[in-house]
Amino acid sequence: MLLLLAALLSGCAPSEPEVETLALEGRTMGTYWSVRVAAPPPGLDAASLQVDLEAALAEVNAQMSNYDPDSELSRFNRAPIGEWFEVSPEHADVLMAALEISALSDGAFDVTVGPLVNLWGFGSRDIEHDAVPSEEQLRAAMSRVDWTQLEVRQEPPAIRRLADVYVDLGGIAKGHGADVMSRVLEDHGATRYLADIGGDMRGRGHNARGTPWQVGIEVPSIGRRGGVQAVIGIEDAGVTTSGDYRNFFVHAGVRYSHTIDPKTGWPIPERVASVTVIHPSAMWSDGLATAFNVMGPDAGLTLAGELSLPVLFILYTDEGLEEVASPAFAEFRVAGDP
């Protein structure tokens, strides 16, 4: 459910002669995927790489999709409460990371928030945005939201629910998919690449111009494509931007974001336009971006400082957009960016 845009930019003057770049793309998880491989290793078979990338992403969907009724996750959500449900090791790892992010963020990130997301019309169910839910509806949905009612076992890999909660990994699965693509690329010998699923990115090495992969953070512009707010350079990291300026609805003159606060049951207040997080793992940058979006800049930047994480908040103010960033973010910002 994350909505983001990180545009690949040409960057500054090359530090070496420009080399060949291999580009591949496709569709997954309801969005696009793409990879860029600079200086592909001799003998790399593009057709074989494409097949392996698509197979790996199909496997992620088979494990973690809420839209596929036969996926591991869909079957788990129908399984008896209290019983261990065997899953793939990757599935257990993703849910373990999700629970760790929930603990770090004091529940701001919660993979059981699905009933609330569906109630507000932003989930897998087709619900019209024609009214704000009633208090009774909100109480009923919130009774099924509690990440502490999930447990993970890694040997052998299994997960279980301790209450009637519903798990949706949409806030972390795309980032995991970008990490999976990076492993496939490295199995094929690639050492300079940018893997991207709907804006969740994982980059390694330098681009064709010999500089770190340069990613543009979009100006949050409601209802239209914005320009570039900032440019970052990544060499061995994942990056995710989470924002509210694409997926929302307006009712009675009030704009409601698709990002729901699990503690209140309501969309987050209209203050945070977007949050960008850089982390060695795209899975973690994905989940943390959602967490920081819910936490807001005060609590979010405090946690980012404790974790030494590069984080950029773009905020709505009466005077326009305002940036606030963690100290670690400056290291990744490209000098002279827009």
Protein backbone atom coordinates (compact mmCIF):
# COMPACT_ATOMS: atom_id res chain seq x y z
CA MET A 1 0.00 0.00 0.00
CA LEU A 2 2.91 2.26 -0.05
CA LEU A 3 2.78 5.00 -2.81
CA LEU A 4 6.09 6.46 -3.93
CA LEU A 5 8.12 7.67 -6.85
CA ALA A 6 11.90 7.58 -7.12
CA ALA A 7 13.01 8.53 -10.61
CA LEU A 8 16.37 7.42 -11.99
CA LEU A 9 18.39 10.48 -12.86
CA SER A 10 21.31 11.04 -15.14
CA GLY A 11 23.45 12.49 -12.37
CA CYS A 12 26.49 14.68 -12.48
CA ALA A 13 29.45 14.57 -14.85
CA PRO A 14 30.79 11.04 -15.31
CA SER A 15 33.97 10.05 -13.53
CA GLU A 16 34.71 7.38 -16.16
CA PRO A 17 33.65 6.70 -19.76
CA GLU A 18 30.02 5.65 -19.85
CA VAL A 19 29.55 1.87 -20.06
CA GLU A 20 26.77 -0.32 -21.36
CA THR A 21 23.58 -0.63 -19.31
CA LEU A 22 21.22 -3.60 -19.54
CA ALA A 23 17.57 -2.74 -18.82
CA LEU A 24 14.84 -5.28 -18.05
CA GLU A 25 11.29 -4.75 -16.79
CA GLY A 26 7.96 -6.41 -16.14
CA ARG A 27 4.91 -6.44 -13.85
CA THR A 28 4.48 -7.80 -10.33
CA MET A 29 2.47 -7.12 -7.16
CA GLY A 30 0.10 -4.82 -9.03
CA THR A 31 2.91 -2.53 -10.18
CA TYR A 32 6.05 -2.48 -12.34
CA TRP A 33 9.47 -3.95 -11.72
CA SER A 34 12.66 -2.93 -13.44
CA VAL A 35 16.38 -3.53 -13.22
CA ARG A 36 19.33 -1.61 -14.61
CA VAL A 37 22.67 -3.42 -14.81
CA ALA A 38 25.72 -1.29 -15.57
CA ALA A 39 28.69 -3.01 -17.21
CA PRO A 40 26.99 -6.42 -17.42
CA PRO A 41 29.52 -9.21 -16.87
CA PRO A 42 30.68 -11.03 -20.00
CA GLY A 43 28.39 -13.89 -20.85
CA LEU A 44 25.39 -12.59 -18.92
CA ASP A 45 22.29 -13.96 -20.68
CA ALA A 46 19.58 -11.27 -20.56
CA ALA A 47 16.81 -13.71 -21.49
CA SER A 48 17.83 -16.13 -18.74
CA LEU A 49 18.08 -13.28 -16.23
CA GLN A 50 14.59 -12.09 -17.14
CA VAL A 51 13.17 -15.59 -16.64
CA ASP A 52 14.88 -15.98 -13.27
CA LEU A 53 13.74 -12.55 -12.05
CA GLU A 54 10.14 -13.24 -13.03
CA ALA A 55 10.24 -16.68 -11.41
CA ALA A 56 11.62 -15.23 -8.17
CA LEU A 57 8.94 -12.53 -8.06
CA ALA A 58 6.22 -15.08 -8.85
CA GLU A 59 7.45 -17.06 -5.84
CA VAL A 60 7.19 -13.98 -3.61
CA ASN A 61 3.60 -13.52 -4.78
CA ALA A 62 2.85 -17.20 -4.13
CA GLN A 63 4.10 -16.73 -0.59
CA MET A 64 2.80 -13.28 0.43
CA SER A 65 -0.06 -12.09 -1.79
CA ASN A 66 -3.41 -11.18 -0.23
CA TYR A 67 -4.99 -11.17 -3.69
CA ASP A 68 -4.13 -14.80 -4.48
CA PRO A 69 -6.50 -17.04 -2.45
CA ASP A 70 -4.02 -19.92 -2.74
CA SER A 71 -0.95 -18.02 -1.50
CA GLU A 72 0.72 -19.05 1.75
CA LEU A 73 -0.50 -15.85 3.39
CA SER A 74 -4.12 -16.22 2.26
CA ARG A 75 -4.20 -19.80 3.50
CA PHE A 76 -2.64 -18.71 6.79
CA ASN A 77 -5.33 -16.05 7.28
CA ARG A 78 -7.93 -18.85 6.97
CA ALA A 79 -6.07 -21.29 9.21
CA PRO A 80 -7.25 -22.16 12.73
CA ILE A 81 -6.25 -19.70 15.42
CA GLY A 82 -3.53 -20.94 17.74
CA GLU A 83 -2.08 -23.55 15.37
CA TRP A 84 1.35 -23.30 13.76
CA PHE A 85 1.13 -22.89 9.98
CA GLU A 86 4.18 -23.99 7.99
CA VAL A 87 5.56 -21.36 5.58
CA SER A 88 8.66 -20.84 3.47
CA PRO A 89 11.80 -19.61 5.27
CA GLU A 90 11.53 -16.32 3.34
CA HIS A 91 7.97 -15.78 4.58
CA ALA A 92 9.04 -16.37 8.17
CA ASP A 93 11.95 -13.94 7.75
CA VAL A 94 9.68 -11.20 6.37
CA LEU A 95 7.13 -11.56 9.16
CA MET A 96 9.93 -11.60 11.75
CA ALA A 97 11.27 -8.33 10.33
CA ALA A 98 7.75 -6.87 10.35
CA LEU A 99 7.33 -7.70 14.03
CA GLU A 100 10.74 -6.19 14.83
CA ILE A 101 9.74 -2.96 13.06
CA SER A 102 6.44 -2.99 14.98
CA ALA A 103 8.32 -3.26 18.25
CA LEU A 104 10.78 -0.50 17.32
CA SER A 105 7.95 1.83 16.26
CA ASP A 106 5.66 1.01 19.21
CA GLY A 107 3.08 -0.43 16.82
CA ALA A 108 3.08 2.37 14.24
CA PHE A 109 3.85 -0.35 11.71
CA ASP A 110 1.38 -3.21 12.05
CA VAL A 111 0.85 -5.94 9.45
CA THR A 112 -2.56 -6.71 11.02
CA VAL A 113 -3.93 -3.26 10.08
CA GLY A 114 -5.67 -4.81 7.04
CA PRO A 115 -9.23 -4.76 8.47
CA LEU A 116 -8.93 -0.99 8.94
CA VAL A 117 -7.38 -0.47 5.51
CA ASN A 118 -10.24 -2.44 3.96
CA LEU A 119 -12.83 -0.56 6.02
CA TRP A 120 -11.55 2.77 4.70
CA GLY A 121 -11.64 1.44 1.14
CA PHE A 122 -7.90 1.18 0.49
CA GLY A 123 -7.48 -2.57 0.66
CA SER A 124 -8.07 -5.63 -1.46
CA ARG A 125 -11.83 -5.30 -1.16
CA ASP A 126 -13.68 -2.99 -3.51
CA ILE A 127 -15.35 -0.50 -1.17
CA GLU A 128 -16.71 2.87 -2.26
CA HIS A 129 -15.27 5.96 -0.60
CA ASP A 130 -18.72 7.36 0.12
CA ALA A 131 -18.64 7.85 3.89
CA VAL A 132 -16.43 7.88 6.95
CA PRO A 133 -16.83 4.61 8.89
CA SER A 134 -19.01 4.67 11.97
CA GLU A 135 -17.57 4.30 15.46
CA GLU A 136 -19.13 0.85 15.64
CA GLN A 137 -17.43 -0.19 12.40
CA LEU A 138 -14.11 1.21 13.59
CA ARG A 139 -14.33 -0.65 16.92
CA ALA A 140 -15.13 -3.90 15.15
CA ALA A 141 -12.19 -3.51 12.76
CA MET A 142 -9.76 -2.44 15.49
CA SER A 143 -10.63 -5.53 17.53
CA ARG A 144 -8.81 -7.53 14.82
CA VAL A 145 -5.69 -5.32 14.76
CA ASP A 146 -2.86 -6.36 17.09
CA TRP A 147 0.61 -7.33 15.90
CA THR A 148 1.43 -8.82 19.31
CA GLN A 149 -0.98 -11.67 18.51
CA LEU A 150 1.42 -13.04 15.89
CA GLU A 151 4.28 -15.45 16.49
CA VAL A 152 7.08 -16.65 14.20
CA ARG A 153 9.05 -19.88 14.42
CA GLN A 154 12.08 -20.19 12.19
CA GLU A 155 13.07 -23.85 12.79
CA PRO A 156 11.10 -25.29 11.11
CA PRO A 157 9.61 -22.08 9.61
CA ALA A 158 6.05 -21.49 10.71
CA ILE A 159 3.76 -18.69 11.88
CA ARG A 160 0.62 -18.57 13.99
CA ARG A 161 -2.14 -16.25 15.12
CA LEU A 162 -3.12 -16.09 18.77
CA ALA A 163 -6.31 -14.15 17.99
CA ASP A 164 -8.55 -13.41 15.01
CA VAL A 165 -6.16 -11.01 13.30
CA TYR A 166 -5.68 -10.63 9.55
CA VAL A 167 -2.17 -10.27 8.14
CA ASP A 168 -1.34 -8.08 5.14
CA LEU A 169 2.33 -7.81 4.16
CA GLY A 170 1.73 -5.10 1.55
CA GLY A 171 3.78 -2.62 3.58
CA ILE A 172 6.95 -4.70 3.42
CA ALA A 173 6.66 -7.30 0.64
CA LYS A 174 7.69 -5.03 -2.25
CA GLY A 175 10.89 -4.10 -0.45
CA HIS A 176 11.54 -7.78 0.17
CA GLY A 177 10.96 -8.35 -3.54
CA ALA A 178 13.64 -5.78 -4.40
CA ASP A 179 16.07 -7.60 -2.11
CA VAL A 180 15.15 -10.89 -3.80
CA MET A 181 15.85 -9.35 -7.22
CA SER A 182 19.25 -8.19 -6.01
CA ARG A 183 20.15 -11.75 -5.04
CA VAL A 184 19.09 -13.03 -8.47
CA LEU A 185 21.19 -10.35 -10.13
CA GLU A 186 24.24 -11.28 -8.09
CA ASP A 187 23.71 -14.97 -8.89
CA HIS A 188 24.07 -13.91 -12.52
CA GLY A 189 27.30 -12.07 -11.75
CA ALA A 190 25.96 -8.49 -11.68
CA THR A 191 27.82 -6.16 -9.32
CA ARG A 192 26.50 -2.77 -10.52
CA TYR A 193 22.71 -2.67 -10.56
CA LEU A 194 19.52 -0.94 -9.46
CA ALA A 195 16.50 -3.15 -8.73
CA ASP A 196 13.12 -1.44 -8.43
CA ILE A 197 9.59 -2.62 -7.59
CA GLY A 198 7.12 0.25 -7.76
CA GLY A 199 9.71 2.62 -6.27
CA ASP A 200 11.08 0.28 -3.60
CA MET A 201 14.73 0.10 -4.67
CA ARG A 202 17.90 -1.78 -3.92
CA GLY A 203 21.11 -0.52 -5.51
CA ARG A 204 24.68 -1.75 -5.59
CA GLY A 205 27.86 -0.27 -7.04
CA HIS A 206 28.02 2.53 -9.60
CA ASN A 207 25.83 3.40 -12.55
CA ALA A 208 26.99 3.59 -16.18
CA ARG A 209 28.59 7.01 -15.54
CA GLY A 210 30.70 5.71 -12.68
CA THR A 211 28.76 7.47 -9.93
CA PRO A 212 26.47 6.05 -7.23
CA TRP A 213 22.99 5.25 -8.51
CA GLN A 214 21.07 8.51 -8.32
CA VAL A 215 17.46 8.47 -7.24
CA GLY A 216 15.11 11.44 -7.29
CA ILE A 217 12.61 12.03 -4.49
CA GLU A 218 9.47 13.50 -6.00
CA VAL A 219 7.93 16.80 -4.93
CA PRO A 220 4.67 15.74 -3.21
CA SER A 221 2.04 17.27 -5.52
CA ILE A 222 -1.57 16.24 -4.93
CA GLY A 223 -3.36 15.22 -8.09
CA ARG A 224 -0.41 15.65 -10.49
CA ARG A 225 3.16 14.58 -11.04
CA GLY A 226 5.62 16.79 -9.25
CA GLY A 227 9.21 17.70 -9.93
CA VAL A 228 12.25 16.48 -8.03
CA GLN A 229 12.55 17.59 -4.41
CA ALA A 230 15.91 16.00 -3.68
CA VAL A 231 18.44 13.60 -5.19
CA ILE A 232 20.22 10.85 -3.29
CA GLY A 233 23.08 8.58 -4.31
CA ILE A 234 23.10 4.93 -3.22
CA GLU A 235 25.87 2.36 -3.68
CA ASP A 236 24.84 -0.53 -1.45
CA ALA A 237 21.46 0.22 0.06
CA GLY A 238 17.70 0.05 -0.23
CA VAL A 239 15.53 3.15 -0.42
CA THR A 240 11.77 3.63 -0.05
CA THR A 241 9.53 6.68 -0.09
CA SER A 242 6.08 6.50 1.52
CA GLY A 243 3.61 9.32 0.91
CA ASP A 244 -0.06 10.23 0.99
CA TYR A 245 -0.32 12.46 -2.07
CA ARG A 246 -1.43 9.81 -4.60
CA ASN A 247 -3.73 7.41 -2.76
CA PHE A 248 -6.45 9.26 -0.86
CA PHE A 249 -10.08 10.26 -1.04
CA VAL A 250 -11.97 13.45 -0.19
CA HIS A 251 -15.24 13.36 1.74
CA ALA A 252 -17.15 16.42 2.92
CA GLY A 253 -14.15 18.58 2.08
CA VAL A 254 -11.68 16.51 4.14
CA ARG A 255 -8.84 14.54 2.53
CA TYR A 256 -8.24 11.08 3.97
CA SER A 257 -4.87 9.35 3.45
CA HIS A 258 -4.48 5.66 2.65
CA THR A 259 -2.02 5.35 5.55
CA ILE A 260 -3.96 4.27 8.64
CA ASP A 261 -2.76 4.73 12.21
CA PRO A 262 -3.28 1.30 13.84
CA LYS A 263 -3.73 2.89 17.27
CA THR A 264 -6.55 5.27 16.32
CA GLY A 265 -8.11 3.48 13.36
CA TRP A 266 -8.06 6.74 11.38
CA PRO A 267 -5.96 7.93 8.44
CA ILE A 268 -2.89 9.82 9.59
CA PRO A 269 -3.28 13.60 10.04
CA GLU A 270 -2.58 15.73 6.99
CA ARG A 271 0.91 16.84 7.99
CA VAL A 272 3.43 14.38 6.53
CA ALA A 273 3.61 14.54 2.74
CA SER A 274 6.25 11.83 2.36
CA VAL A 275 9.02 9.99 4.17
CA THR A 276 12.15 8.57 2.53
CA VAL A 277 14.21 5.93 4.33
CA ILE A 278 17.59 4.48 3.33
CA HIS A 279 18.60 1.13 4.82
CA PRO A 280 20.92 -1.72 3.81
CA SER A 281 17.77 -3.81 3.24
CA ALA A 282 14.96 -2.63 0.95
CA MET A 283 12.59 -4.77 3.03
CA TRP A 284 13.49 -2.74 6.09
CA SER A 285 13.39 0.61 4.28
CA ASP A 286 9.88 -0.33 3.07
CA GLY A 287 8.50 -1.19 6.50
CA LEU A 288 10.26 1.68 8.26
CA ALA A 289 8.98 4.25 5.76
CA THR A 290 5.41 3.30 6.65
CA ALA A 291 6.24 3.35 10.36
CA PHE A 292 7.78 6.83 10.18
CA ASN A 293 4.83 8.08 8.13
CA VAL A 294 2.50 7.08 10.97
CA MET A 295 4.84 8.25 13.76
CA GLY A 296 5.31 11.73 12.29
CA PRO A 297 8.49 13.82 12.30
CA ASP A 298 8.99 14.28 16.03
CA ALA A 299 8.88 10.66 17.16
CA GLY A 300 10.15 9.50 13.76
CA LEU A 301 13.32 11.56 13.79
CA THR A 302 13.99 10.58 17.39
CA LEU A 303 13.91 6.91 16.41
CA ALA A 304 15.92 7.58 13.25
CA GLY A 305 18.59 9.24 15.36
CA GLU A 306 18.70 6.32 17.78
CA LEU A 307 19.14 3.92 14.86
CA SER A 308 21.51 6.24 12.89
CA LEU A 309 19.12 5.92 9.94
CA PRO A 310 19.08 8.30 6.93
CA VAL A 311 15.51 9.64 6.86
CA LEU A 312 13.91 12.61 5.08
CA PHE A 313 10.47 13.96 6.01
CA ILE A 314 8.68 16.34 3.64
CA LEU A 315 5.94 18.16 5.54
CA TYR A 316 2.94 20.24 4.58
CA THR A 317 2.98 23.71 6.17
CA ASP A 318 0.97 26.90 5.69
CA GLU A 319 3.95 28.31 3.78
CA GLY A 320 4.39 25.24 1.54
CA LEU A 321 6.58 22.16 1.82
CA GLU A 322 9.24 21.86 4.52
CA GLU A 323 12.07 19.33 4.76
CA VAL A 324 13.33 17.87 8.02
CA ALA A 325 15.97 15.14 7.99
CA SER A 326 18.01 12.97 10.30
CA PRO A 327 21.74 13.79 10.53
CA ALA A 328 22.62 10.60 8.63
CA PHE A 329 20.62 11.67 5.56
CA ALA A 330 23.14 14.35 4.55
CA GLU A 331 25.71 11.70 3.61
CA PHE A 332 23.46 10.41 0.81
CA ARG A 333 22.19 13.71 -0.55
CA VAL A 334 23.75 14.71 -3.87
CA ALA A 335 25.25 18.19 -3.81
CA GLY A 336 23.49 20.69 -6.03
CA ASP A 337 20.28 18.67 -6.28
CA PRO A 338 17.00 20.46 -7.20
